Amino acid sequence: MSQPKNTAGTRYLEHGTSEYLRANLALFAAGFATFSSMYSVQPLMPEFSREFGVSAAVSSLSLSVTTGVLAFTLFLAGLMSGAIERKTVMTASLLGSATLSLVAAIAPGWSTLLVARAFEGIALGGVPALAIAYLSEEIKPADLGTATGLYIGGTACGGMGGRVIAGLLAEAFGWRVAIAVLGVIGFVAAAVFVWLLPCSRNFIAQRGLTIRQHAGPVVSHMRHRALPWVFFCGFLFMGAFVSVYNYVGYRLSAPPFSLGQGAIGAVFVVYMFGIVTSAIAGRIADRHGRPPVLIFAIVLMTLGLALMWPDSLIAIIAGIALVTIGFFAGHSTASGWVGLLAEHGKGHAAGLYLLGYYLGSSVIGSLGGLFWSGYGWAGVAGMVAAILLIGLVATIRLTVWHRQPAPAA
C-alpha cells in the first residue's frame, strides 16, 4: 500500500468534517454491498439442490467458486495496489458485481450460475483490496481506527444482511428474486459510493515494480518461522466456519425442523455477535498476547459445534452463535498478528493471509458437502472437529514459538 511521502503537506480527511462523513458512508455502503452479494447464496443452497438436482457439495460451489477466485484476485490486487487508482477500481468492482448478480438471477442452468458467480469473485475483489489502502492514505491517523471500524462494520453487516435478506426474499418470491434484489442493492450502493466518496488526494501511483520486487517479500514471509502458521490458521478458521454455515441450512430445512428459507436466513442474525467480538478480541490480544486468544477461539468453536449435536433448534442457534463468536475472535486476532509479525512488505503479508483465508472457504467449504452427502450432519461435524483439532496443533506450535526468547542482537 502506498503512503504519503511528505506528511507535513498531506491533506487528510478529519473527524467532524463533511468529507470525513461522506468517505465513511461511502465505504460502509461499498462494504455492505460487496459482502452481502458474496454470502447471499449461503441460505439458498438447499433451494439450489432442489431446483437443479445437485448434491450439497455441488451446491456449495455457488459460494466456493466465488471465494476461490476472490482469493487470488485479492492477492494479485494487493501486489498491484501501489499502482491502482482507488475510487475508479472500487466503482468498477461494485458495478461489475451488481451486474453479475443480475446475470446469476436469470441463469438458465446450473453451469451458467456458477460461471456468473466465478466472475463475481473477480469483480468483488476491488473493494476489500483497496478500501483499507484508501482509508490509510486519506484519513487523519488519529481518526483512522474509527474509520476502519466503520468500514469493517459495513462488511460484517453485509455478510449478515445478505444471508438474512436472501433467505426472507427466497421464501416469499423465490431465489431468483432474492439474488436480483441484492444486485439492485449493489447498484444503489455503487451510486452512493460514487456520489459520496472524495477522490484520492494523497495517493501516489508507483510505477515499474518488477516481479522480483514482489517475489522477495512473499518468499521472505513464507520462510518466516511463524507467519506461515498464522496463514494456515486463517485457512482453517474460515474453512470450519463456512462449513458450519453452508450445511446447517440443509439440516434445518429437513425434518424434524423443516424450516423455510426465511427462517433459515433469520438464524444468521447471530452473525451480529461476531461484529462485537472482533473489537473485544483485539483488545484482549493486545493485553494478553495472541496465542491464548487463538486457543480460546478454537475452544469456543468446538463447544458451539458440540452444542449443535442434538436435534434442538435452541441448542443449534446457541451453537451457531458460539461458533460465530469463536471464529471472529480467531480471525481478527490472526489477521492483526500478521501486521505485527511482518517486519517489511506488510501488504504482501496481508495478501498471503487473505489468500489462505478465502481458499479455506472455497476448499474446506466444498469438502464439507461430501461429508454431508455421505454421513449427514454427523459427517460435517466430524470434519469440522478435525479441522479445529489441526488448528489447535498449529496454535500450540505458534505458542511455543512465541514463548521462545528473542535472539540476542
Protein backbone atom coordinates (compact mmCIF):
# COMPACT_ATOMS: atom_id res chain seq x y z
CA MET A 1 0.00 0.00 0.00
CA SER A 2 1.35 3.43 -0.84
CA GLN A 3 1.86 6.01 1.83
CA PRO A 4 2.18 9.78 1.56
CA LYS A 5 5.83 10.72 1.46
CA ASN A 6 5.52 14.23 2.79
CA THR A 7 3.15 14.05 5.73
CA ALA A 8 3.63 17.73 6.53
CA GLY A 9 1.90 18.69 3.29
CA THR A 10 -0.70 15.94 3.36
CA ARG A 11 -4.36 16.97 3.33
CA TYR A 12 -6.21 14.43 5.47
CA LEU A 13 -9.93 13.91 5.97
CA GLU A 14 -10.59 14.74 9.62
CA HIS A 15 -13.32 13.68 12.01
CA GLY A 16 -16.08 16.27 12.20
CA THR A 17 -15.80 17.37 8.58
CA SER A 18 -18.40 16.64 5.92
CA GLU A 19 -15.81 14.93 3.69
CA TYR A 20 -14.84 12.54 6.51
CA LEU A 21 -18.51 11.63 7.00
CA ARG A 22 -19.01 11.17 3.26
CA ALA A 23 -15.99 8.88 2.98
CA ASN A 24 -17.20 6.71 5.86
CA LEU A 25 -20.74 6.42 4.50
CA ALA A 26 -19.43 5.60 1.02
CA LEU A 27 -17.14 2.82 2.23
CA PHE A 28 -19.79 1.45 4.59
CA ALA A 29 -22.14 1.15 1.60
CA ALA A 30 -19.42 -0.45 -0.51
CA GLY A 31 -18.55 -2.98 2.20
CA PHE A 32 -22.20 -3.84 2.75
CA ALA A 33 -22.87 -4.38 -0.98
CA THR A 34 -19.72 -6.45 -1.51
CA PHE A 35 -20.20 -8.91 1.32
CA SER A 36 -23.98 -9.16 1.04
CA SER A 37 -23.57 -10.22 -2.58
CA MET A 38 -20.82 -12.68 -1.73
CA TYR A 39 -22.69 -14.53 1.03
CA SER A 40 -26.26 -14.20 -0.24
CA VAL A 41 -26.18 -17.73 -1.70
CA GLN A 42 -25.44 -19.45 1.61
CA PRO A 43 -29.07 -19.82 2.83
CA LEU A 44 -30.14 -20.62 -0.76
CA MET A 45 -28.01 -23.77 -1.15
CA PRO A 46 -30.80 -26.23 -0.23
CA GLU A 47 -33.01 -24.49 -2.80
CA PHE A 48 -30.30 -24.86 -5.46
CA SER A 49 -30.12 -28.57 -4.69
CA ARG A 50 -33.88 -28.95 -5.16
CA GLU A 51 -34.18 -26.87 -8.34
CA PHE A 52 -31.06 -28.05 -10.16
CA GLY A 53 -30.90 -31.57 -8.74
CA VAL A 54 -27.35 -31.18 -7.40
CA SER A 55 -25.76 -32.52 -4.23
CA ALA A 56 -24.87 -30.37 -1.23
CA ALA A 57 -21.20 -30.45 -2.26
CA VAL A 58 -22.02 -29.22 -5.76
CA SER A 59 -24.48 -26.63 -4.45
CA SER A 60 -21.77 -25.23 -2.17
CA LEU A 61 -19.81 -24.32 -5.30
CA SER A 62 -22.14 -21.32 -5.64
CA LEU A 63 -20.08 -19.81 -2.82
CA SER A 64 -16.81 -21.72 -3.21
CA VAL A 65 -16.16 -20.66 -6.81
CA THR A 66 -16.65 -17.03 -5.76
CA THR A 67 -14.35 -17.15 -2.73
CA GLY A 68 -11.81 -19.33 -4.54
CA VAL A 69 -11.45 -16.86 -7.41
CA LEU A 70 -11.64 -13.96 -4.94
CA ALA A 71 -8.66 -15.37 -3.01
CA PHE A 72 -6.37 -14.98 -5.99
CA THR A 73 -7.97 -11.69 -7.08
CA LEU A 74 -7.27 -10.15 -3.68
CA PHE A 75 -3.72 -11.45 -3.64
CA LEU A 76 -2.93 -10.04 -7.08
CA ALA A 77 -4.74 -6.77 -6.34
CA GLY A 78 -2.70 -6.46 -3.16
CA LEU A 79 0.51 -6.83 -5.13
CA MET A 80 -0.61 -4.15 -7.59
CA SER A 81 -2.28 -1.85 -5.05
CA GLY A 82 0.55 0.66 -5.24
CA ALA A 83 -0.32 1.39 -8.88
CA ILE A 84 -4.15 1.16 -8.79
CA GLU A 85 -6.34 4.28 -8.62
CA ARG A 86 -8.66 3.68 -5.68
CA LYS A 87 -12.07 5.18 -6.46
CA THR A 88 -12.18 4.13 -10.11
CA VAL A 89 -11.38 0.49 -9.41
CA MET A 90 -13.72 0.24 -6.42
CA THR A 91 -16.55 1.74 -8.50
CA ALA A 92 -15.92 -0.77 -11.29
CA SER A 93 -15.91 -3.54 -8.67
CA LEU A 94 -19.32 -2.51 -7.31
CA LEU A 95 -20.90 -2.13 -10.75
CA GLY A 96 -19.42 -5.39 -12.00
CA SER A 97 -20.54 -7.46 -9.02
CA ALA A 98 -24.07 -5.96 -9.13
CA THR A 99 -24.35 -6.77 -12.84
CA LEU A 100 -23.17 -10.33 -12.30
CA SER A 101 -25.73 -10.78 -9.51
CA LEU A 102 -28.45 -9.98 -12.05
CA VAL A 103 -26.87 -12.43 -14.51
CA ALA A 104 -26.87 -15.14 -11.82
CA ALA A 105 -30.53 -14.38 -11.04
CA ILE A 106 -31.60 -15.12 -14.63
CA ALA A 107 -29.18 -18.01 -15.20
CA PRO A 108 -30.97 -20.71 -17.26
CA GLY A 109 -28.93 -23.53 -15.78
CA TRP A 110 -26.55 -24.50 -13.02
CA SER A 111 -23.39 -24.09 -15.11
CA THR A 112 -24.34 -20.55 -16.11
CA LEU A 113 -24.99 -19.62 -12.49
CA LEU A 114 -21.55 -20.94 -11.46
CA VAL A 115 -19.82 -19.04 -14.27
CA ALA A 116 -21.54 -15.82 -13.16
CA ARG A 117 -20.53 -16.45 -9.55
CA ALA A 118 -16.92 -17.17 -10.58
CA PHE A 119 -16.69 -13.89 -12.50
CA GLU A 120 -18.25 -12.21 -9.49
CA GLY A 121 -15.25 -13.39 -7.49
CA ILE A 122 -13.08 -11.31 -9.83
CA ALA A 123 -15.35 -8.27 -9.63
CA LEU A 124 -15.74 -8.37 -5.85
CA GLY A 125 -12.01 -8.12 -5.18
CA GLY A 126 -11.69 -4.40 -5.86
CA VAL A 127 -13.38 -3.12 -2.71
CA PRO A 128 -11.67 -5.21 0.02
CA ALA A 129 -8.31 -4.92 -1.75
CA LEU A 130 -8.34 -1.11 -1.85
CA ALA A 131 -10.71 0.17 0.86
CA ILE A 132 -8.18 -0.07 3.70
CA ALA A 133 -5.49 1.43 1.45
CA TYR A 134 -7.75 4.41 0.71
CA LEU A 135 -8.52 4.94 4.39
CA SER A 136 -4.88 4.72 5.47
CA GLU A 137 -3.89 7.31 2.87
CA GLU A 138 -6.78 9.77 3.18
CA ILE A 139 -7.93 9.68 6.81
CA LYS A 140 -6.07 11.55 9.54
CA PRO A 141 -4.06 8.95 11.53
CA ALA A 142 -5.76 9.87 14.80
CA ASP A 143 -9.16 9.11 13.22
CA LEU A 144 -8.12 6.02 11.24
CA GLY A 145 -9.20 3.45 13.83
CA THR A 146 -12.76 4.75 13.89
CA ALA A 147 -12.99 4.96 10.11
CA THR A 148 -11.59 1.46 9.63
CA GLY A 149 -14.01 0.12 12.22
CA LEU A 150 -16.95 1.64 10.36
CA TYR A 151 -15.84 0.03 7.09
CA ILE A 152 -15.38 -3.37 8.74
CA GLY A 153 -18.79 -2.88 10.35
CA GLY A 154 -20.22 -2.41 6.87
CA THR A 155 -18.65 -5.65 5.65
CA ALA A 156 -19.95 -7.55 8.67
CA CYS A 157 -23.44 -6.09 8.30
CA GLY A 158 -23.30 -7.02 4.63
CA GLY A 159 -22.35 -10.60 5.44
CA MET A 160 -25.29 -10.87 7.81
CA GLY A 161 -27.71 -8.80 5.72
CA GLY A 162 -27.04 -10.74 2.53
CA ARG A 163 -27.88 -14.02 4.25
CA VAL A 164 -30.99 -12.70 6.02
CA ILE A 165 -32.38 -10.70 3.06
CA ALA A 166 -31.80 -13.56 0.63
CA GLY A 167 -33.50 -16.07 2.92
CA LEU A 168 -36.57 -13.94 3.51
CA LEU A 169 -37.00 -12.96 -0.14
CA ALA A 170 -36.39 -16.50 -1.37
CA GLU A 171 -39.19 -17.86 0.80
CA ALA A 172 -41.62 -15.18 -0.38
CA PHE A 173 -40.65 -14.81 -4.05
CA GLY A 174 -38.04 -17.42 -4.94
CA TRP A 175 -34.25 -17.45 -5.03
CA ARG A 176 -34.01 -15.59 -8.36
CA VAL A 177 -35.80 -12.55 -6.98
CA ALA A 178 -33.62 -12.71 -3.85
CA ILE A 179 -30.37 -12.56 -5.82
CA ALA A 180 -31.77 -9.91 -8.21
CA VAL A 181 -32.76 -7.65 -5.31
CA LEU A 182 -29.24 -7.89 -3.88
CA GLY A 183 -27.96 -6.94 -7.31
CA VAL A 184 -30.17 -3.84 -7.27
CA ILE A 185 -28.86 -3.03 -3.79
CA GLY A 186 -25.39 -3.26 -5.30
CA PHE A 187 -26.25 -0.67 -7.95
CA VAL A 188 -27.70 1.65 -5.30
CA ALA A 189 -24.55 1.22 -3.21
CA ALA A 190 -22.40 2.00 -6.27
CA ALA A 191 -24.35 5.22 -6.88
CA VAL A 192 -24.00 6.23 -3.22
CA PHE A 193 -20.29 5.39 -3.35
CA VAL A 194 -19.60 7.47 -6.48
CA TRP A 195 -21.63 10.39 -5.13
CA LEU A 196 -20.13 10.47 -1.64
CA LEU A 197 -16.52 9.26 -1.77
CA PRO A 198 -13.97 12.08 -2.08
CA CYS A 199 -11.34 11.43 -4.72
CA SER A 200 -7.87 10.46 -3.51
CA ARG A 201 -5.67 13.38 -2.51
CA ASN A 202 -2.61 11.58 -1.20
CA PHE A 203 -2.29 8.53 -3.42
CA ILE A 204 0.91 8.47 -5.49
CA ALA A 205 0.98 5.67 -8.05
CA GLN A 206 4.11 3.51 -8.02
CA ARG A 207 5.44 2.52 -11.41
CA GLY A 208 7.90 -0.06 -12.63
CA LEU A 209 7.57 -2.64 -9.83
CA THR A 210 9.10 -5.91 -11.03
CA ILE A 211 8.15 -9.50 -10.31
CA ARG A 212 11.34 -9.86 -8.28
CA GLN A 213 10.34 -6.92 -6.08
CA HIS A 214 7.04 -8.68 -5.35
CA ALA A 215 8.52 -12.17 -5.03
CA GLY A 216 11.13 -11.11 -2.47
CA PRO A 217 8.70 -10.23 0.34
CA VAL A 218 6.46 -13.22 -0.46
CA VAL A 219 9.36 -15.69 -0.21
CA SER A 220 10.60 -13.98 2.95
CA HIS A 221 7.18 -14.26 4.61
CA MET A 222 6.85 -17.94 3.71
CA ARG A 223 10.27 -18.60 5.28
CA HIS A 224 9.28 -16.82 8.49
CA ARG A 225 9.10 -19.16 11.48
CA ALA A 226 5.61 -18.03 12.50
CA LEU A 227 3.82 -16.29 9.61
CA PRO A 228 3.01 -19.44 7.55
CA TRP A 229 1.37 -20.93 10.63
CA VAL A 230 -0.77 -17.79 11.04
CA PHE A 231 -1.76 -18.01 7.35
CA PHE A 232 -2.66 -21.66 7.96
CA CYS A 233 -4.79 -20.71 10.96
CA GLY A 234 -6.75 -18.28 8.77
CA PHE A 235 -7.30 -21.09 6.24
CA LEU A 236 -8.59 -23.43 8.96
CA PHE A 237 -10.74 -20.90 10.83
CA MET A 238 -12.55 -19.78 7.69
CA GLY A 239 -12.95 -23.34 6.39
CA ALA A 240 -14.52 -24.54 9.64
CA PHE A 241 -16.80 -21.50 9.92
CA VAL A 242 -18.07 -21.63 6.33
CA SER A 243 -18.67 -25.38 6.54
CA VAL A 244 -20.97 -24.90 9.54
CA TYR A 245 -22.86 -22.06 7.83
CA ASN A 246 -23.06 -23.89 4.48
CA TYR A 247 -24.65 -27.10 5.73
CA VAL A 248 -26.64 -26.10 8.79
CA GLY A 249 -29.21 -24.78 6.29
CA TYR A 250 -29.63 -28.30 4.91
CA ARG A 251 -30.09 -29.65 8.41
CA LEU A 252 -32.66 -27.02 9.37
CA SER A 253 -34.64 -27.46 6.14
CA ALA A 254 -35.03 -31.21 6.78
CA PRO A 255 -37.14 -32.96 9.45
CA PRO A 256 -37.56 -32.59 12.38
CA PHE A 257 -37.15 -28.82 11.83
CA SER A 258 -38.41 -28.34 8.24
CA LEU A 259 -37.74 -24.60 8.35
CA GLY A 260 -38.41 -22.39 5.33
CA GLN A 261 -35.81 -20.21 3.63
CA GLY A 262 -36.90 -17.13 5.58
CA ALA A 263 -36.50 -18.79 8.95
CA ILE A 264 -33.13 -20.25 7.98
CA GLY A 265 -31.94 -16.84 6.84
CA ALA A 266 -33.13 -15.30 10.10
CA VAL A 267 -30.94 -17.73 12.06
CA PHE A 268 -27.91 -15.93 10.66
CA VAL A 269 -28.75 -12.85 12.74
CA VAL A 270 -26.35 -14.43 15.26
CA TYR A 271 -23.65 -13.04 12.95
CA MET A 272 -24.08 -9.81 14.95
CA PHE A 273 -22.23 -11.47 17.84
CA GLY A 274 -19.16 -11.69 15.64
CA ILE A 275 -19.20 -7.95 14.88
CA VAL A 276 -18.91 -7.17 18.59
CA THR A 277 -16.43 -9.98 19.24
CA SER A 278 -13.80 -8.71 16.79
CA ALA A 279 -13.13 -5.50 18.69
CA ILE A 280 -13.17 -7.19 22.11
CA ALA A 281 -10.81 -9.96 20.97
CA GLY A 282 -8.39 -7.38 19.58
CA ARG A 283 -8.17 -5.58 22.92
CA ILE A 284 -7.67 -8.84 24.83
CA ALA A 285 -4.98 -9.95 22.37
CA ASP A 286 -3.14 -6.64 22.84
CA ARG A 287 -3.16 -7.15 26.59
CA HIS A 288 -2.58 -10.90 26.97
CA GLY A 289 -0.99 -11.99 23.70
CA ARG A 290 -2.29 -13.60 20.51
CA PRO A 291 -1.81 -17.37 21.13
CA PRO A 292 -4.11 -17.55 24.20
CA VAL A 293 -6.90 -15.80 22.27
CA LEU A 294 -6.48 -18.19 19.32
CA ILE A 295 -6.70 -21.19 21.64
CA PHE A 296 -9.78 -19.74 23.35
CA ALA A 297 -11.36 -19.13 19.94
CA ILE A 298 -10.87 -22.79 18.97
CA VAL A 299 -12.35 -23.92 22.30
CA LEU A 300 -15.41 -21.73 21.75
CA MET A 301 -15.93 -23.05 18.21
CA THR A 302 -15.59 -26.62 19.47
CA LEU A 303 -18.11 -26.03 22.26
CA GLY A 304 -20.51 -24.50 19.75
CA LEU A 305 -20.11 -27.49 17.45
CA ALA A 306 -20.83 -29.87 20.34
CA LEU A 307 -23.88 -27.85 21.35
CA MET A 308 -25.30 -28.25 17.83
CA TRP A 309 -25.30 -32.06 18.06
CA PRO A 310 -28.83 -32.70 19.49
CA ASP A 311 -31.96 -32.04 17.44
CA SER A 312 -32.88 -28.92 19.37
CA LEU A 313 -33.42 -25.67 17.50
CA ILE A 314 -32.47 -23.58 20.53
CA ALA A 315 -29.27 -25.58 21.02
CA ILE A 316 -28.38 -25.27 17.34
CA ILE A 317 -28.86 -21.50 17.31
CA ALA A 318 -26.80 -21.18 20.51
CA GLY A 319 -24.15 -23.40 18.95
CA ILE A 320 -24.02 -21.28 15.79
CA ALA A 321 -23.61 -18.20 17.99
CA LEU A 322 -20.62 -19.75 19.81
CA VAL A 323 -19.06 -20.88 16.53
CA THR A 324 -19.51 -17.33 15.18
CA ILE A 325 -18.00 -15.69 18.27
CA GLY A 326 -15.06 -18.09 18.22
CA PHE A 327 -14.46 -17.58 14.52
CA PHE A 328 -14.43 -13.79 14.68
CA ALA A 329 -12.17 -13.85 17.74
CA GLY A 330 -9.73 -16.15 15.92
CA HIS A 331 -9.86 -14.35 12.58
CA SER A 332 -9.45 -10.84 14.00
CA THR A 333 -6.56 -11.99 16.20
CA ALA A 334 -4.76 -13.89 13.43
CA SER A 335 -5.20 -11.16 10.82
CA GLY A 336 -3.99 -8.50 13.25
CA TRP A 337 -0.98 -10.61 14.18
CA VAL A 338 0.13 -10.73 10.54
CA GLY A 339 0.81 -7.00 10.50
CA LEU A 340 2.86 -7.24 13.69
CA LEU A 341 4.96 -10.21 12.55
CA ALA A 342 5.71 -8.85 9.08
CA GLU A 343 8.71 -6.56 9.52
CA HIS A 344 8.52 -5.48 5.87
CA GLY A 345 6.17 -5.99 2.94
CA LYS A 346 3.11 -5.81 5.17
CA GLY A 347 0.80 -5.58 2.15
CA HIS A 348 2.23 -8.80 0.76
CA ALA A 349 1.81 -10.50 4.15
CA ALA A 350 -1.83 -9.37 4.35
CA GLY A 351 -2.35 -10.65 0.81
CA LEU A 352 -0.97 -14.08 1.72
CA TYR A 353 -3.25 -14.23 4.75
CA LEU A 354 -6.32 -13.37 2.65
CA LEU A 355 -5.26 -15.90 0.04
CA GLY A 356 -5.26 -18.65 2.65
CA TYR A 357 -8.40 -17.30 4.31
CA TYR A 358 -10.58 -17.41 1.19
CA LEU A 359 -9.05 -20.66 -0.05
CA GLY A 360 -10.20 -22.14 3.26
CA SER A 361 -13.73 -21.01 2.45
CA SER A 362 -13.52 -22.49 -1.03
CA VAL A 363 -11.70 -25.78 -0.44
CA ILE A 364 -12.91 -26.83 3.01
CA GLY A 365 -16.36 -25.35 2.42
CA SER A 366 -16.92 -27.61 -0.60
CA LEU A 367 -15.27 -30.62 1.07
CA GLY A 368 -17.91 -30.42 3.79
CA GLY A 369 -20.56 -31.17 1.18
CA LEU A 370 -19.05 -34.61 0.58
CA PHE A 371 -19.29 -35.36 4.29
CA TRP A 372 -22.89 -34.12 4.34
CA SER A 373 -23.83 -36.32 1.39
CA GLY A 374 -22.17 -39.36 2.91
CA TYR A 375 -22.86 -39.02 6.62
CA GLY A 376 -25.26 -36.11 7.19
CA TRP A 377 -24.64 -33.59 9.93
CA ALA A 378 -22.52 -36.09 11.88
CA GLY A 379 -20.09 -36.14 8.96
CA VAL A 380 -19.91 -32.35 8.72
CA ALA A 381 -19.44 -32.03 12.49
CA GLY A 382 -16.72 -34.68 12.46
CA MET A 383 -14.87 -32.93 9.64
CA VAL A 384 -15.10 -29.53 11.34
CA ALA A 385 -13.91 -31.06 14.63
CA ALA A 386 -10.87 -32.49 12.81
CA ILE A 387 -10.18 -29.08 11.24
CA LEU A 388 -10.35 -27.42 14.66
CA LEU A 389 -8.00 -30.06 16.12
CA ILE A 390 -5.48 -29.30 13.39
CA GLY A 391 -5.96 -25.61 14.16
CA LEU A 392 -5.21 -26.32 17.83
CA VAL A 393 -1.96 -28.07 16.88
CA ALA A 394 -0.97 -25.09 14.70
CA THR A 395 -1.80 -22.66 17.51
CA ILE A 396 0.21 -24.66 20.05
CA ARG A 397 3.12 -24.51 17.59
CA LEU A 398 2.73 -20.72 17.49
CA THR A 399 2.52 -20.60 21.30
CA VAL A 400 5.81 -22.47 21.66
CA TRP A 401 7.47 -20.12 19.15
CA HIS A 402 6.01 -17.06 20.87
CA ARG A 403 7.43 -18.08 24.24
CA GLN A 404 10.94 -18.56 22.92
CA PRO A 405 13.30 -15.71 23.88
CA ALA A 406 14.19 -13.32 21.09
CA PRO A 407 17.66 -13.90 19.64
CA ALA A 408 20.36 -11.65 21.02
CA ALA A 409 21.28 -8.73 18.84
